[in-house]
Amino acid sequence: MGRHHRDPEKKNIRGPGKKAHRQKDLTVPAHWKDDADNKQSRRSKQRERKKKLCDLLNAQSIKKEPNLDEKVPKPTELFGSSDDEIPNEIPMVSGIDADIDTSKANIKELVLNEMKGEDSDDSSNDSGVDEDDDFLPIEKQAISTTKARSQLNKDIPEGDIQTNLAQSDLKLPSGEELEQETSQPARLEFVHQRIKDVMSVLSDFANKRDPETKRKDYVNTLKKDLETYYSYNKFLLSKLIDLFPQNELIAFLEANEVSRPITVRTNTLKTKRRDLAQALIARGVNLDPLGKWTKVGLVVYDSSVPVGATPEYLAGHYMIQGASSFLPVMALAPQPQERILDMCSAPGGKTSYIAQLMKNTGMIMANDVSAPRLKAVVGNLHRMGISNTVVSNYDGRSFPAIMGNFSRVLLDAPCSGTGVISKDPAVKINKDEGDILRCSHLQKELILSAIDSCNANSETGGYILYCTCSILVEENEEVVNYALQRRNVKLVPTGLEFGVEGFTRYRQYRFHPSLKHARRFYPHTHNMDGFFVAKLKKFSNQIPSKTDNNQNDEEVSDDAETEKTETKKKATKRPGSDLSMQQLKKYQKRKHKPGALVRPVPGLLAKKRNITQYLDQKKKKANKSSEKVVEDKKSVETKKTKNSDGKKKQAKGLKPKREKDKPKVVKKAKVKKENETKSKKKKTEKTKPET
């Protein structure tokens, strides 16, 4: 068994050992008992801390002279020893202001307002359950910061904010700094911030301006910054600045940086919009109706399948077309059994929409100058199932001589493309003044040929619709105004429910008041490409004569032809008798002022020319008289020199040569004439009869 073997049943029970005598009984700490007895919620703890803060602030305000020897309470005494118990709201309030000493009163008011607001919520939190415990720590911190900032924004008066803005000084870059910026790659963030600052100064120039800098300097810096940030050339940006106000200009430039949404037009000759939407949604296309103004359009937000390669597209159930291209056809409003001309039809989107509205009846002439682009027209017409269209390849300017008598004409004229910069960003740099003038000249020729191709005596028609994808006035209102002066047409409402009215006054231009019926569309307001639409009604097939055009020009503007006729009528009067020089100088001063709008006076330029001619004649006479005086002086000097030479020779003993002493030089022509006269005399003597 062994000597260490012990029976457990016979084991003697012994008392406690030496360590047991040393240990004390188990006791619970006092602060644990207090916490167990007084269970407080989180809100109650926050209230206690805020009360301590208020007491501290009151004590500091009562003391006139603070004692430096006095001990400041530690944060652990106020908020507890642990970091988790420190509230999130109060440090945010105290940390927003930089100088705590100057903002004690504001903090006191904020704390009191918070306590008042919490007292109203006591009824909801009496149960001791904290509602904020459901949120994550990050969410709690975000909620607390937003509350603190909103309370501070409410308590700060508006006057203080305005004074801070007024005191913000913007220093424009000097010439050396601009050279450095141009030589180095531009920092877009810095340029963008400067654009914002300049825009804020120009919005309230009287209060926010720097007294040493002029408005012109601010505008020039803004132009340069916009050129660098949005990469436009000077010409196009200056045109846009003239067209839009400041805030709208930035919105337009930003809208051009974003592409427009993809839109689809349903072909009602083959399907309905509802059926098409269901079929595309089944293929994974996310779409919605385009708007209340159209019953055919759909907007495509996202697609798992290419929209231009679906079986529905290949079957001709829809056409991918911009939303702005719907508008000209809707304004033209074609009717069945009509003859319609689409003068610039490629790639065929508007032509197919016209055939769709005509229900494949009547006749459509789809013309275009470019033969390669007509291939796309033919392909789209075949795919969409259109059978009432004839395709032609002629120059639109010569089309009235080929064919006419159309009831309606659609002219989508070629333009600079300033409304579709989001599709073609190269327009920002490529276009200049020469391109705009070239386009406007071509557009004027095309609109006159379109009017001549239309029949004013048609029962349902006689309408011409002019549209461009440009927003410049030189390509839109100026072209339509030119057509109103040269042909018997008038402007008619387009019938479109939305859009901006056309310009009747733009800088130095004065257009016909009926141009308010035209409509403009912008990407930043209508979320579609920039577009212009004008509808004309032809009331006579006769082309007005040149005299009628001259009369219209006299009423609208001072043309050169009218000025010439007026000067011919008043040729008997002294030039400039009706107009004084003072009036002319005043007019010139007004005209040369930047931004001055001067009404043209008929015949003023002719009178100005006559006055200048009259003054030039006076100058010429004065010059001639001065030349004569100079010649007389020269002749006198030559005589004096001759006399002096003769006197010198006499002094030497030489006689000056006289005219008699000089050798006679006989010219050959005189000798010939003398010989001829002698021979004639001899002949006459021989022929005389003897007496």
Foldseek 3Di string as FASTA:
>chain_A
DDDPDDDPVPDDDDDDDPVVVVDDDDDDDPVVVVCVVDPAALVVLVVQLLVVVLVVLVVVVVDPDDDPPDDDDDPCVRQNDDPVSRDLQLVLLCPVDPDCVVCSVVSNVLSVVVVVVVVVCCVVCVVRDDPCVVDDPVVRNVVSNVVSVVSVVVPDDPVVVVVVQLPDADDDDDPVVVVVCVVDPHDLVVLVVLLVNLVVCVVPVVRNPDVVDDPVSSVVSNQVSCCNNLVFDNFVSVLLPLVDPDVVSVLQSVLLQDDFFWKKFFQPLVDAPVVVVVVQVVQAWDKDAPDPQDRTMITTDDGPDPPCDDPCNQQQGIDTDFPVLVQLLLLQQDEAQFEEEEAAQFPPPSVSVNCSSNVLHHAYEYEHQDPVRVVNNVVNCVSNVHDRYDYYHDHLLCVLVVAAAGQEYEYAADALQQQNCSVPVVSRYPDDPVRHVVRLVSLLSNVVSRLLRYDQPDPPGQKYKYKYLHDGCSNAQVSVQSCVLWAQKAWDASPRPDAAFDDCDRQQAHGDPRSRSKGWDHCSPSSGTTMIMTMMGHNDNDTDDPVSSVVVCQVHHADPVQLVVVCVVCVVDQQLPVPDPVVVVVVVVQVPDPRRHDHHDHNPVSSVVSVVVVVVVVVVVVVVVVVVVVVVVVVVVVVVVVVVVQVVCVVVVHHDDDPVNDDDDDDPVVVVVVVVVVVVVVVVVVPDDDD
